[in-house]
C-alpha atoms as a PDB file:
ATOM      1  CA  MET A   1       0.060   0.044   0.006  1.00  0.00           C
ATOM      2  CA  SER A   2       2.771   2.456   0.831  1.00  0.00           C
ATOM      3  CA  THR A   3       4.671   1.550  -2.266  1.00  0.00           C
ATOM      4  CA  GLU A   4       1.623   2.487  -4.323  1.00  0.00           C
ATOM      5  CA  LEU A   5       1.257   5.870  -2.438  1.00  0.00           C
ATOM      6  CA  ASP A   6       4.970   6.665  -3.005  1.00  0.00           C
ATOM      7  CA  THR A   7       4.496   5.988  -6.672  1.00  0.00           C
ATOM      8  CA  ASN A   8       1.640   8.367  -6.986  1.00  0.00           C
ATOM      9  CA  ARG A   9       3.383  11.011  -5.024  1.00  0.00           C
ATOM     10  CA  MET A  10       6.329  10.702  -7.247  1.00  0.00           C
ATOM     11  CA  SER A  11       4.021  11.234 -10.237  1.00  0.00           C
ATOM     12  CA  LEU A  12       2.760  14.192  -8.629  1.00  0.00           C
ATOM     13  CA  VAL A  13       5.963  15.810  -8.124  1.00  0.00           C
ATOM     14  CA  GLU A  14       7.249  15.008 -11.686  1.00  0.00           C
ATOM     15  CA  ALA A  15       3.890  16.526 -13.097  1.00  0.00           C
ATOM     16  CA  ALA A  16       4.533  19.739 -11.009  1.00  0.00           C
ATOM     17  CA  ASP A  17       8.103  19.845 -12.313  1.00  0.00           C
ATOM     18  CA  ALA A  18       6.994  19.384 -15.920  1.00  0.00           C
ATOM     19  CA  VAL A  19       4.632  22.378 -15.545  1.00  0.00           C
ATOM     20  CA  LYS A  20       7.349  24.438 -14.110  1.00  0.00           C
ATOM     21  CA  GLN A  21       9.562  23.518 -17.179  1.00  0.00           C
ATOM     22  CA  VAL A  22       6.817  24.843 -19.504  1.00  0.00           C
ATOM     23  CA  LYS A  23       6.493  27.928 -17.505  1.00  0.00           C
ATOM     24  CA  HIS A  24      10.309  28.577 -17.590  1.00  0.00           C
ATOM     25  CA  ASN A  25      10.394  27.682 -21.343  1.00  0.00           C
ATOM     26  CA  ILE A  26       7.679  30.463 -22.156  1.00  0.00           C
ATOM     27  CA  SER A  27       9.208  32.948 -19.713  1.00  0.00           C
ATOM     28  CA  ARG A  28      12.409  32.931 -21.857  1.00  0.00           C
ATOM     29  CA  VAL A  29      10.402  34.982 -24.501  1.00  0.00           C
ATOM     30  CA  LEU A  30       7.709  36.433 -22.639  1.00  0.00           C
ATOM     31  CA  VAL A  31       8.787  38.756 -20.012  1.00  0.00           C
ATOM     32  CA  GLY A  32       6.901  39.952 -17.014  1.00  0.00           C
ATOM     33  CA  GLN A  33       3.668  37.927 -17.550  1.00  0.00           C
ATOM     34  CA  ASP A  34       4.514  35.007 -15.224  1.00  0.00           C
ATOM     35  CA  ALA A  35       0.900  35.148 -13.635  1.00  0.00           C
ATOM     36  CA  ILE A  36      -0.684  35.063 -17.083  1.00  0.00           C
ATOM     37  CA  VAL A  37       1.369  32.188 -18.181  1.00  0.00           C
ATOM     38  CA  GLU A  38       0.264  30.269 -15.036  1.00  0.00           C
ATOM     39  CA  ASP A  39      -3.360  31.112 -15.811  1.00  0.00           C
ATOM     40  CA  VAL A  40      -3.112  29.756 -19.378  1.00  0.00           C
ATOM     41  CA  LEU A  41      -1.390  26.432 -18.243  1.00  0.00           C
ATOM     42  CA  THR A  42      -4.057  25.960 -15.445  1.00  0.00           C
ATOM     43  CA  VAL A  43      -6.723  26.140 -18.365  1.00  0.00           C
ATOM     44  CA  LEU A  44      -4.710  23.664 -20.498  1.00  0.00           C
ATOM     45  CA  PHE A  45      -4.345  20.953 -17.751  1.00  0.00           C
ATOM     46  CA  ALA A  46      -7.875  21.558 -16.623  1.00  0.00           C
ATOM     47  CA  GLY A  47      -9.164  20.725 -20.154  1.00  0.00           C
ATOM     48  CA  GLY A  48     -10.703  24.193 -20.922  1.00  0.00           C
ATOM     49  CA  HIS A  49     -10.332  27.121 -23.207  1.00  0.00           C
ATOM     50  CA  VAL A  50      -9.066  30.707 -22.345  1.00  0.00           C
ATOM     51  CA  LEU A  51     -10.040  34.231 -23.629  1.00  0.00           C
ATOM     52  CA  LEU A  52      -6.917  36.554 -23.566  1.00  0.00           C
ATOM     53  CA  GLU A  53      -7.821  40.309 -23.463  1.00  0.00           C
ATOM     54  CA  GLY A  54      -5.502  43.399 -23.758  1.00  0.00           C
ATOM     55  CA  VAL A  55      -4.521  46.254 -25.811  1.00  0.00           C
ATOM     56  CA  PRO A  56      -2.299  45.303 -28.868  1.00  0.00           C
ATOM     57  CA  GLY A  57       1.452  44.836 -28.208  1.00  0.00           C
ATOM     58  CA  LEU A  58       1.268  43.028 -24.791  1.00  0.00           C
ATOM     59  CA  GLY A  59       2.333  39.724 -26.134  1.00  0.00           C
ATOM     60  CA  LYS A  60      -0.963  37.815 -26.444  1.00  0.00           C
ATOM     61  CA  THR A  61      -0.072  36.116 -29.620  1.00  0.00           C
ATOM     62  CA  LEU A  62       3.436  35.645 -28.578  1.00  0.00           C
ATOM     63  CA  LEU A  63       2.227  33.842 -25.443  1.00  0.00           C
ATOM     64  CA  VAL A  64       0.129  31.352 -27.485  1.00  0.00           C
ATOM     65  CA  ARG A  65       2.942  30.618 -29.990  1.00  0.00           C
ATOM     66  CA  ALA A  66       5.367  29.996 -27.168  1.00  0.00           C
ATOM     67  CA  LEU A  67       3.023  27.581 -25.500  1.00  0.00           C
ATOM     68  CA  ALA A  68       2.415  25.837 -28.860  1.00  0.00           C
ATOM     69  CA  LYS A  69       6.340  25.455 -29.332  1.00  0.00           C
ATOM     70  CA  SER A  70       6.640  24.164 -25.811  1.00  0.00           C
ATOM     71  CA  LEU A  71       4.283  21.309 -26.448  1.00  0.00           C
ATOM     72  CA  ASN A  72       4.961  18.758 -29.127  1.00  0.00           C
ATOM     73  CA  VAL A  73       1.401  18.900 -30.533  1.00  0.00           C
ATOM     74  CA  ASP A  74      -0.220  20.459 -33.679  1.00  0.00           C
ATOM     75  CA  PHE A  75      -0.880  24.265 -33.757  1.00  0.00           C
ATOM     76  CA  SER A  76      -3.126  26.307 -35.957  1.00  0.00           C
ATOM     77  CA  ARG A  77      -3.727  30.072 -36.032  1.00  0.00           C
ATOM     78  CA  VAL A  78      -6.944  31.942 -37.394  1.00  0.00           C
ATOM     79  CA  GLN A  79      -6.898  35.543 -37.896  1.00  0.00           C
ATOM     80  CA  PHE A  80     -10.278  36.656 -37.305  1.00  0.00           C
ATOM     81  CA  THR A  81     -11.583  39.343 -39.718  1.00  0.00           C
ATOM     82  CA  PRO A  82     -15.102  40.815 -40.562  1.00  0.00           C
ATOM     83  CA  ASP A  83     -15.229  38.915 -43.808  1.00  0.00           C
ATOM     84  CA  LEU A  84     -14.118  35.476 -42.233  1.00  0.00           C
ATOM     85  CA  MET A  85     -16.583  32.804 -42.798  1.00  0.00           C
ATOM     86  CA  PRO A  86     -17.447  29.814 -40.639  1.00  0.00           C
ATOM     87  CA  SER A  87     -16.252  27.379 -43.145  1.00  0.00           C
ATOM     88  CA  ASP A  88     -12.871  29.219 -43.016  1.00  0.00           C
ATOM     89  CA  VAL A  89     -12.618  27.980 -39.420  1.00  0.00           C
ATOM     90  CA  VAL A  90     -14.008  24.580 -39.257  1.00  0.00           C
ATOM     91  CA  GLY A  91     -13.773  23.470 -42.918  1.00  0.00           C
ATOM     92  CA  HIS A  92     -16.294  22.465 -45.693  1.00  0.00           C
ATOM     93  CA  SER A  93     -17.193  19.743 -48.195  1.00  0.00           C
ATOM     94  CA  LEU A  94     -15.744  20.146 -51.607  1.00  0.00           C
ATOM     95  CA  TYR A  95     -17.107  18.480 -54.755  1.00  0.00           C
ATOM     96  CA  ASP A  96     -14.525  16.289 -56.562  1.00  0.00           C
ATOM     97  CA  MET A  97     -15.284  16.414 -60.332  1.00  0.00           C
ATOM     98  CA  LYS A  98     -13.204  13.259 -61.079  1.00  0.00           C
ATOM     99  CA  SER A  99     -14.762  11.096 -58.445  1.00  0.00           C
ATOM    100  CA  GLY A 100     -18.181  12.598 -58.405  1.00  0.00           C
ATOM    101  CA  GLU A 101     -18.125  12.676 -54.700  1.00  0.00           C
ATOM    102  CA  PHE A 102     -18.041  15.329 -52.004  1.00  0.00           C
ATOM    103  CA  ASN A 103     -14.794  15.206 -49.994  1.00  0.00           C
ATOM    104  CA  ILE A 104     -14.317  17.122 -46.570  1.00  0.00           C
ATOM    105  CA  LYS A 105     -11.619  19.703 -46.564  1.00  0.00           C
ATOM    106  CA  LYS A 106     -10.692  20.255 -42.838  1.00  0.00           C
ATOM    107  CA  GLY A 107     -10.155  23.738 -41.579  1.00  0.00           C
ATOM    108  CA  PRO A 108      -7.582  25.054 -39.061  1.00  0.00           C
ATOM    109  CA  ALA A 109      -9.899  24.049 -36.247  1.00  0.00           C
ATOM    110  CA  PHE A 110      -8.772  20.423 -36.678  1.00  0.00           C
ATOM    111  CA  THR A 111      -5.686  20.876 -34.443  1.00  0.00           C
ATOM    112  CA  ASN A 112      -4.498  20.583 -30.749  1.00  0.00           C
ATOM    113  CA  ILE A 113      -3.805  24.249 -30.075  1.00  0.00           C
ATOM    114  CA  LEU A 114      -6.000  26.803 -31.833  1.00  0.00           C
ATOM    115  CA  LEU A 115      -5.116  30.296 -31.708  1.00  0.00           C
ATOM    116  CA  ALA A 116      -8.128  32.381 -32.576  1.00  0.00           C
ATOM    117  CA  ASP A 117      -6.499  35.786 -32.946  1.00  0.00           C
ATOM    118  CA  GLU A 118      -8.640  38.931 -32.468  1.00  0.00           C
ATOM    119  CA  ILE A 119     -11.777  36.724 -32.227  1.00  0.00           C
ATOM    120  CA  ASN A 120     -14.031  39.823 -31.636  1.00  0.00           C
ATOM    121  CA  ARG A 121     -13.077  41.353 -35.068  1.00  0.00           C
ATOM    122  CA  ALA A 122     -15.484  38.829 -36.702  1.00  0.00           C
ATOM    123  CA  PRO A 123     -19.260  38.839 -36.470  1.00  0.00           C
ATOM    124  CA  ALA A 124     -21.286  36.352 -34.371  1.00  0.00           C
ATOM    125  CA  LYS A 125     -21.856  34.032 -37.055  1.00  0.00           C
ATOM    126  CA  THR A 126     -18.230  33.233 -37.583  1.00  0.00           C
ATOM    127  CA  GLN A 127     -17.388  33.263 -33.653  1.00  0.00           C
ATOM    128  CA  SER A 128     -20.185  30.772 -33.055  1.00  0.00           C
ATOM    129  CA  ALA A 129     -18.423  28.264 -35.519  1.00  0.00           C
ATOM    130  CA  LEU A 130     -16.278  27.418 -32.518  1.00  0.00           C
ATOM    131  CA  LEU A 131     -19.205  26.553 -30.154  1.00  0.00           C
ATOM    132  CA  GLU A 132     -19.526  22.721 -30.917  1.00  0.00           C
ATOM    133  CA  VAL A 133     -15.755  22.067 -31.140  1.00  0.00           C
ATOM    134  CA  MET A 134     -15.124  23.914 -27.811  1.00  0.00           C
ATOM    135  CA  GLN A 135     -17.902  22.036 -26.018  1.00  0.00           C
ATOM    136  CA  GLU A 136     -17.953  18.609 -27.740  1.00  0.00           C
ATOM    137  CA  GLN A 137     -14.563  18.379 -29.246  1.00  0.00           C
ATOM    138  CA  GLN A 138     -15.957  17.428 -32.444  1.00  0.00           C
ATOM    139  CA  ILE A 139     -16.894  19.318 -35.760  1.00  0.00           C
ATOM    140  CA  THR A 140     -19.940  18.458 -37.944  1.00  0.00           C
ATOM    141  CA  ILE A 141     -19.537  19.164 -41.604  1.00  0.00           C
ATOM    142  CA  ASP A 142     -22.649  18.210 -43.869  1.00  0.00           C
ATOM    143  CA  GLY A 143     -24.074  15.882 -41.311  1.00  0.00           C
ATOM    144  CA  GLU A 144     -20.817  13.976 -40.585  1.00  0.00           C
ATOM    145  CA  SER A 145     -19.295  14.458 -37.030  1.00  0.00           C
ATOM    146  CA  LEU A 146     -15.562  14.421 -36.899  1.00  0.00           C
ATOM    147  CA  SER A 147     -13.662  14.158 -33.588  1.00  0.00           C
ATOM    148  CA  ILE A 148     -10.650  16.221 -32.673  1.00  0.00           C
ATOM    149  CA  ASP A 149      -7.699  14.600 -31.064  1.00  0.00           C
ATOM    150  CA  SER A 150      -6.704  15.381 -27.494  1.00  0.00           C
ATOM    151  CA  PRO A 151      -5.482  17.632 -26.267  1.00  0.00           C
ATOM    152  CA  PHE A 152      -7.736  20.403 -27.659  1.00  0.00           C
ATOM    153  CA  MET A 153      -7.601  23.926 -26.487  1.00  0.00           C
ATOM    154  CA  VAL A 154      -8.800  27.276 -28.026  1.00  0.00           C
ATOM    155  CA  LEU A 155      -6.799  30.448 -27.033  1.00  0.00           C
ATOM    156  CA  ALA A 156      -8.775  33.355 -28.208  1.00  0.00           C
ATOM    157  CA  THR A 157      -7.278  36.873 -28.056  1.00  0.00           C
ATOM    158  CA  GLN A 158      -9.481  40.002 -28.149  1.00  0.00           C
ATOM    159  CA  ASN A 159      -9.015  43.844 -27.910  1.00  0.00           C
ATOM    160  CA  PRO A 160     -11.120  45.819 -25.595  1.00  0.00           C
ATOM    161  CA  LEU A 161     -14.577  46.243 -26.791  1.00  0.00           C
ATOM    162  CA  ASP A 162     -14.197  50.164 -26.693  1.00  0.00           C
ATOM    163  CA  GLN A 163     -11.909  49.857 -29.818  1.00  0.00           C
ATOM    164  CA  GLU A 164     -13.373  50.522 -33.189  1.00  0.00           C
ATOM    165  CA  GLY A 165     -14.592  47.657 -35.459  1.00  0.00           C
ATOM    166  CA  THR A 166     -15.247  44.929 -32.703  1.00  0.00           C
ATOM    167  CA  TYR A 167     -18.146  42.613 -32.099  1.00  0.00           C
ATOM    168  CA  PRO A 168     -18.882  41.543 -28.525  1.00  0.00           C
ATOM    169  CA  LEU A 169     -18.994  37.756 -28.129  1.00  0.00           C
ATOM    170  CA  PRO A 170     -22.307  36.072 -27.655  1.00  0.00           C
ATOM    171  CA  GLU A 171     -23.035  34.971 -24.043  1.00  0.00           C
ATOM    172  CA  ALA A 172     -23.192  31.305 -25.012  1.00  0.00           C
ATOM    173  CA  GLU A 173     -19.790  31.354 -26.520  1.00  0.00           C
ATOM    174  CA  LEU A 174     -18.251  33.383 -23.560  1.00  0.00           C
ATOM    175  CA  ASP A 175     -19.543  30.720 -21.214  1.00  0.00           C
ATOM    176  CA  ARG A 176     -17.603  28.087 -23.062  1.00  0.00           C
ATOM    177  CA  PHE A 177     -14.258  29.676 -22.080  1.00  0.00           C
ATOM    178  CA  MET A 178     -13.111  28.566 -18.637  1.00  0.00           C
ATOM    179  CA  MET A 179     -11.173  31.793 -17.958  1.00  0.00           C
ATOM    180  CA  LYS A 180     -11.053  35.364 -19.238  1.00  0.00           C
ATOM    181  CA  VAL A 181      -7.536  36.548 -18.672  1.00  0.00           C
ATOM    182  CA  GLU A 182      -6.856  40.347 -18.743  1.00  0.00           C
ATOM    183  CA  LEU A 183      -3.148  41.240 -19.807  1.00  0.00           C
ATOM    184  CA  GLY A 184      -1.796  44.517 -18.361  1.00  0.00           C
ATOM    185  CA  PHE A 185       1.307  46.333 -18.895  1.00  0.00           C
ATOM    186  CA  PRO A 186       4.471  44.786 -17.624  1.00  0.00           C
ATOM    187  CA  SER A 187       6.506  46.484 -14.712  1.00  0.00           C
ATOM    188  CA  HIS A 188       9.152  49.057 -15.439  1.00  0.00           C
ATOM    189  CA  GLU A 189      11.956  46.443 -15.069  1.00  0.00           C
ATOM    190  CA  SER A 190      10.124  43.968 -17.363  1.00  0.00           C
ATOM    191  CA  GLU A 191       9.544  46.715 -19.983  1.00  0.00           C
ATOM    192  CA  VAL A 192      13.221  47.497 -19.870  1.00  0.00           C
ATOM    193  CA  GLU A 193      14.249  43.890 -20.342  1.00  0.00           C
ATOM    194  CA  LEU A 194      11.862  43.667 -23.287  1.00  0.00           C
ATOM    195  CA  LEU A 195      13.553  46.694 -24.997  1.00  0.00           C
ATOM    196  CA  LYS A 196      16.870  44.764 -24.732  1.00  0.00           C
ATOM    197  CA  LEU A 197      15.320  41.684 -26.223  1.00  0.00           C
ATOM    198  CA  ASN A 198      13.525  43.365 -29.048  1.00  0.00           C
ATOM    199  CA  THR A 199      16.113  45.858 -30.319  1.00  0.00           C
ATOM    200  CA  GLN A 200      18.732  43.401 -31.463  1.00  0.00           C
ATOM    201  CA  ILE A 201      19.074  42.091 -34.926  1.00  0.00           C
ATOM    202  CA  VAL A 202      17.206  39.006 -34.177  1.00  0.00           C
ATOM    203  CA  SER A 203      13.892  39.969 -32.462  1.00  0.00           C
ATOM    204  CA  ASN A 204      12.541  38.326 -29.413  1.00  0.00           C
ATOM    205  CA  GLU A 205       9.552  37.086 -31.367  1.00  0.00           C
ATOM    206  CA  THR A 206      11.899  35.202 -33.807  1.00  0.00           C
ATOM    207  CA  LYS A 207      13.416  33.269 -30.896  1.00  0.00           C
ATOM    208  CA  VAL A 208      10.045  31.514 -30.289  1.00  0.00           C
ATOM    209  CA  GLU A 209      10.794  29.134 -32.995  1.00  0.00           C
ATOM    210  CA  GLN A 210      13.838  27.953 -31.313  1.00  0.00           C
ATOM    211  CA  LEU A 211      12.001  26.977 -28.138  1.00  0.00           C
ATOM    212  CA  PRO A 212      12.285  23.192 -27.450  1.00  0.00           C
ATOM    213  CA  ALA A 213       9.199  21.166 -26.746  1.00  0.00           C
ATOM    214  CA  VAL A 214       8.895  20.233 -23.275  1.00  0.00           C
ATOM    215  CA  LEU A 215       5.755  18.008 -23.296  1.00  0.00           C
ATOM    216  CA  ASP A 216       4.086  15.733 -25.713  1.00  0.00           C
ATOM    217  CA  ALA A 217       0.415  14.640 -25.870  1.00  0.00           C
ATOM    218  CA  LYS A 218       0.881  11.654 -23.820  1.00  0.00           C
ATOM    219  CA  ARG A 219       2.414  13.565 -20.943  1.00  0.00           C
ATOM    220  CA  ILE A 220      -0.145  16.201 -21.118  1.00  0.00           C
ATOM    221  CA  ALA A 221      -2.681  13.443 -20.726  1.00  0.00           C
ATOM    222  CA  ASP A 222      -0.950  12.134 -17.774  1.00  0.00           C
ATOM    223  CA  ILE A 223      -0.890  15.369 -16.062  1.00  0.00           C
ATOM    224  CA  LYS A 224      -4.490  16.067 -16.814  1.00  0.00           C
ATOM    225  CA  GLN A 225      -5.439  12.669 -15.317  1.00  0.00           C
ATOM    226  CA  LEU A 226      -3.317  13.484 -12.122  1.00  0.00           C
ATOM    227  CA  CYS A 227      -5.157  16.923 -11.825  1.00  0.00           C
ATOM    228  CA  ALA A 228      -8.524  15.069 -12.127  1.00  0.00           C
ATOM    229  CA  ASP A 229      -7.565  12.743  -9.249  1.00  0.00           C
ATOM    230  CA  ILE A 230      -6.689  15.623  -6.800  1.00  0.00           C
ATOM    231  CA  LEU A 231      -8.819  15.272  -3.751  1.00  0.00           C
ATOM    232  CA  VAL A 232     -11.490  17.874  -3.069  1.00  0.00           C
ATOM    233  CA  ASP A 233     -13.199  17.967   0.421  1.00  0.00           C
ATOM    234  CA  GLU A 234     -17.018  18.336   0.552  1.00  0.00           C
ATOM    235  CA  GLN A 235     -16.450  21.721   2.316  1.00  0.00           C
ATOM    236  CA  ILE A 236     -14.526  22.869  -0.668  1.00  0.00           C
ATOM    237  CA  LEU A 237     -17.136  22.043  -3.056  1.00  0.00           C
ATOM    238  CA  ASN A 238     -19.831  23.709  -0.817  1.00  0.00           C
ATOM    239  CA  TYR A 239     -17.403  26.816  -0.816  1.00  0.00           C
ATOM    240  CA  ALA A 240     -17.128  27.002  -4.699  1.00  0.00           C
ATOM    241  CA  VAL A 241     -20.949  26.609  -4.898  1.00  0.00           C
ATOM    242  CA  ASP A 242     -21.510  29.345  -2.283  1.00  0.00           C
ATOM    243  CA  ILE A 243     -19.276  31.782  -4.281  1.00  0.00           C
ATOM    244  CA  VAL A 244     -21.078  31.097  -7.427  1.00  0.00           C
ATOM    245  CA  ARG A 245     -24.535  31.363  -5.958  1.00  0.00           C
ATOM    246  CA  SER A 246     -23.708  34.675  -4.127  1.00  0.00           C
ATOM    247  CA  SER A 247     -22.974  36.211  -7.547  1.00  0.00           C
ATOM    248  CA  ARG A 248     -26.556  35.578  -8.622  1.00  0.00           C
ATOM    249  CA  THR A 249     -28.075  37.576  -5.785  1.00  0.00           C
ATOM    250  CA  TRP A 250     -25.346  40.217  -5.457  1.00  0.00           C
ATOM    251  CA  GLN A 251     -26.458  43.801  -5.389  1.00  0.00           C
ATOM    252  CA  GLY A 252     -25.821  45.488  -8.734  1.00  0.00           C
ATOM    253  CA  VAL A 253     -25.379  42.167 -10.658  1.00  0.00           C
ATOM    254  CA  LEU A 254     -28.138  41.613 -13.293  1.00  0.00           C
ATOM    255  CA  HIS A 255     -27.111  38.006 -14.050  1.00  0.00           C
ATOM    256  CA  GLY A 256     -24.826  35.874 -12.021  1.00  0.00           C
ATOM    257  CA  ALA A 257     -22.579  32.973 -12.899  1.00  0.00           C
ATOM    258  CA  GLY A 258     -24.201  29.614 -14.151  1.00  0.00           C
ATOM    259  CA  LEU A 259     -23.297  25.989 -13.360  1.00  0.00           C
ATOM    260  CA  ARG A 260     -20.126  25.950 -15.559  1.00  0.00           C
ATOM    261  CA  ALA A 261     -18.621  28.528 -13.205  1.00  0.00           C
ATOM    262  CA  SER A 262     -18.609  26.215 -10.097  1.00  0.00           C
ATOM    263  CA  ILE A 263     -17.383  23.226 -12.210  1.00  0.00           C
ATOM    264  CA  ASN A 264     -14.630  25.210 -13.762  1.00  0.00           C
ATOM    265  CA  ILE A 265     -13.575  26.600 -10.395  1.00  0.00           C
ATOM    266  CA  ILE A 266     -13.038  23.165  -9.012  1.00  0.00           C
ATOM    267  CA  LYS A 267     -11.279  21.949 -12.168  1.00  0.00           C
ATOM    268  CA  ALA A 268      -8.899  24.832 -12.121  1.00  0.00           C
ATOM    269  CA  ALA A 269      -8.400  24.526  -8.246  1.00  0.00           C
ATOM    270  CA  LYS A 270      -7.275  21.092  -8.756  1.00  0.00           C
ATOM    271  CA  VAL A 271      -4.529  22.203 -11.201  1.00  0.00           C
ATOM    272  CA  MET A 272      -3.384  24.907  -8.938  1.00  0.00           C
ATOM    273  CA  ALA A 273      -2.927  22.269  -6.193  1.00  0.00           C
ATOM    274  CA  LEU A 274      -0.932  20.096  -8.534  1.00  0.00           C
ATOM    275  CA  MET A 275       1.215  23.031  -9.513  1.00  0.00           C
ATOM    276  CA  ASN A 276       1.912  23.560  -5.790  1.00  0.00           C
ATOM    277  CA  GLY A 277       2.837  19.823  -5.292  1.00  0.00           C
ATOM    278  CA  ARG A 278      -0.289  19.011  -3.297  1.00  0.00           C
ATOM    279  CA  ASP A 279      -2.783  16.183  -3.789  1.00  0.00           C
ATOM    280  CA  PHE A 280      -5.543  18.172  -2.244  1.00  0.00           C
ATOM    281  CA  VAL A 281      -7.438  21.543  -2.909  1.00  0.00           C
ATOM    282  CA  THR A 282      -7.423  24.417  -0.426  1.00  0.00           C
ATOM    283  CA  PRO A 283      -9.578  27.385  -0.092  1.00  0.00           C
ATOM    284  CA  ASP A 284      -6.812  29.591  -1.496  1.00  0.00           C
ATOM    285  CA  ASP A 285      -6.786  27.452  -4.642  1.00  0.00           C
ATOM    286  CA  VAL A 286     -10.427  28.269  -5.101  1.00  0.00           C
ATOM    287  CA  LYS A 287      -9.961  31.961  -4.451  1.00  0.00           C
ATOM    288  CA  SER A 288      -7.098  32.284  -6.788  1.00  0.00           C
ATOM    289  CA  VAL A 289      -8.866  30.913  -9.773  1.00  0.00           C
ATOM    290  CA  SER A 290     -12.348  32.395  -9.082  1.00  0.00           C
ATOM    291  CA  VAL A 291     -11.800  35.995 -10.472  1.00  0.00           C
ATOM    292  CA  ASN A 292     -10.607  34.955 -14.017  1.00  0.00           C
ATOM    293  CA  ILE A 293     -13.461  32.260 -14.052  1.00  0.00           C
ATOM    294  CA  LEU A 294     -16.308  34.712 -13.042  1.00  0.00           C
ATOM    295  CA  ARG A 295     -15.137  37.713 -14.763  1.00  0.00           C
ATOM    296  CA  HIS A 296     -16.764  37.045 -18.019  1.00  0.00           C
ATOM    297  CA  ARG A 297     -19.901  35.530 -16.586  1.00  0.00           C
ATOM    298  CA  LEU A 298     -21.396  38.355 -14.763  1.00  0.00           C
ATOM    299  CA  ILE A 299     -23.541  41.089 -16.130  1.00  0.00           C
ATOM    300  CA  LEU A 300     -23.548  44.347 -14.087  1.00  0.00           C
ATOM    301  CA  SER A 301     -26.292  46.805 -13.820  1.00  0.00           C
ATOM    302  CA  ALA A 302     -26.061  50.207 -15.558  1.00  0.00           C
ATOM    303  CA  ASP A 303     -25.800  51.884 -12.091  1.00  0.00           C
ATOM    304  CA  LEU A 304     -22.604  49.982 -11.211  1.00  0.00           C
ATOM    305  CA  GLU A 305     -21.079  50.723 -14.660  1.00  0.00           C
ATOM    306  CA  LEU A 306     -22.012  54.332 -14.313  1.00  0.00           C
ATOM    307  CA  GLU A 307     -20.124  54.404 -11.057  1.00  0.00           C
ATOM    308  CA  GLY A 308     -17.140  52.895 -12.652  1.00  0.00           C
ATOM    309  CA  VAL A 309     -17.172  49.796 -10.507  1.00  0.00           C
ATOM    310  CA  SER A 310     -15.204  46.936 -12.256  1.00  0.00           C
ATOM    311  CA  PHE A 311     -15.899  43.275 -12.512  1.00  0.00           C
ATOM    312  CA  ASP A 312     -12.917  42.415 -10.437  1.00  0.00           C
ATOM    313  CA  GLU A 313     -14.082  44.699  -7.611  1.00  0.00           C
ATOM    314  CA  VAL A 314     -17.460  42.962  -7.650  1.00  0.00           C
ATOM    315  CA  ILE A 315     -15.910  39.481  -7.562  1.00  0.00           C
ATOM    316  CA  SER A 316     -13.410  40.482  -4.791  1.00  0.00           C
ATOM    317  CA  ALA A 317     -16.368  41.691  -2.689  1.00  0.00           C
ATOM    318  CA  ILE A 318     -18.070  38.488  -3.251  1.00  0.00           C
ATOM    319  CA  LEU A 319     -15.139  36.361  -2.271  1.00  0.00           C
ATOM    320  CA  ALA A 320     -14.763  38.509   0.878  1.00  0.00           C
ATOM    321  CA  SER A 321     -18.294  37.954   1.826  1.00  0.00           C
ATOM    322  CA  VAL A 322     -18.321  34.167   1.557  1.00  0.00           C
ATOM    323  CA  GLU A 323     -16.799  32.459   4.648  1.00  0.00           C
ATOM    324  CA  ALA A 324     -13.979  29.947   3.550  1.00  0.00           C
ATOM    325  CA  PRO A 325     -13.850  26.453   5.308  1.00  0.00           C
ATOM    326  CA  ARG A 326     -11.138  26.442   8.113  1.00  0.00           C
ATOM    327  CA  SER A 327     -10.370  22.960   8.265  1.00  0.00           C
END
């Protein structure tokens, strides 16, 4: 019995070390965004999708490219534009004159890591092309359902909605993203370091192609299984549900978070536990992932928006109001 326990514990330690290697690999080209990298890896190993928001030039696309190079899996990128069609993303059937049959031409969504760049530049019809594949990990073309190999993760970037020529994402699609992560400007020291990296003959972005692959599909699957097996006490489950339910009755919140929020909080908290070398979830794990998971699931009243109250402030107040389990 003890030997089996030791084997599991070693696997947990190895998994935590492997995640650290990926973080270190990405940090070689993406400076000053360590917390963002951790958030994205949390979503990867929790089996979800992530929405990255920030003004141009903060490294959203660079982050995704560095992640893809660090994983020995397939990677595709789609630049969303106002004239992009759903078939440009998922694919379509094509008539073959020689055989007299329709053949399926797969789109870039048939991959492991999909970068949907500037997703809010395309209208809702094209954005919603990703709904099925994000939820079911399959794509239906002309009535034929085609499965996508694991791992599968959509990383969508968007500019803030106050910029010209953008379309807000439908609520149904927003809910499919496990986290919405907001990128801010790096610290003064990190910005100086970025200047050094990007003012040489070979730019920092070019160095992404030189990053070694740290994990393959099998090791990613092993880590995801370890995360799924992390222990969660009944009190922690109640704590996550209490947080989400509080968002539905909070003053100034028109619509609170749905059931996917509490499910994703626990999934992400399990990954946080593994990253910290633990085989159990703590209340701090739940708190650390809740803001990114709730941020895009709340709709604030016009009064709060006029007062300039942010989503993060509302979520922080909700977290402060819900008592965390002590033991």
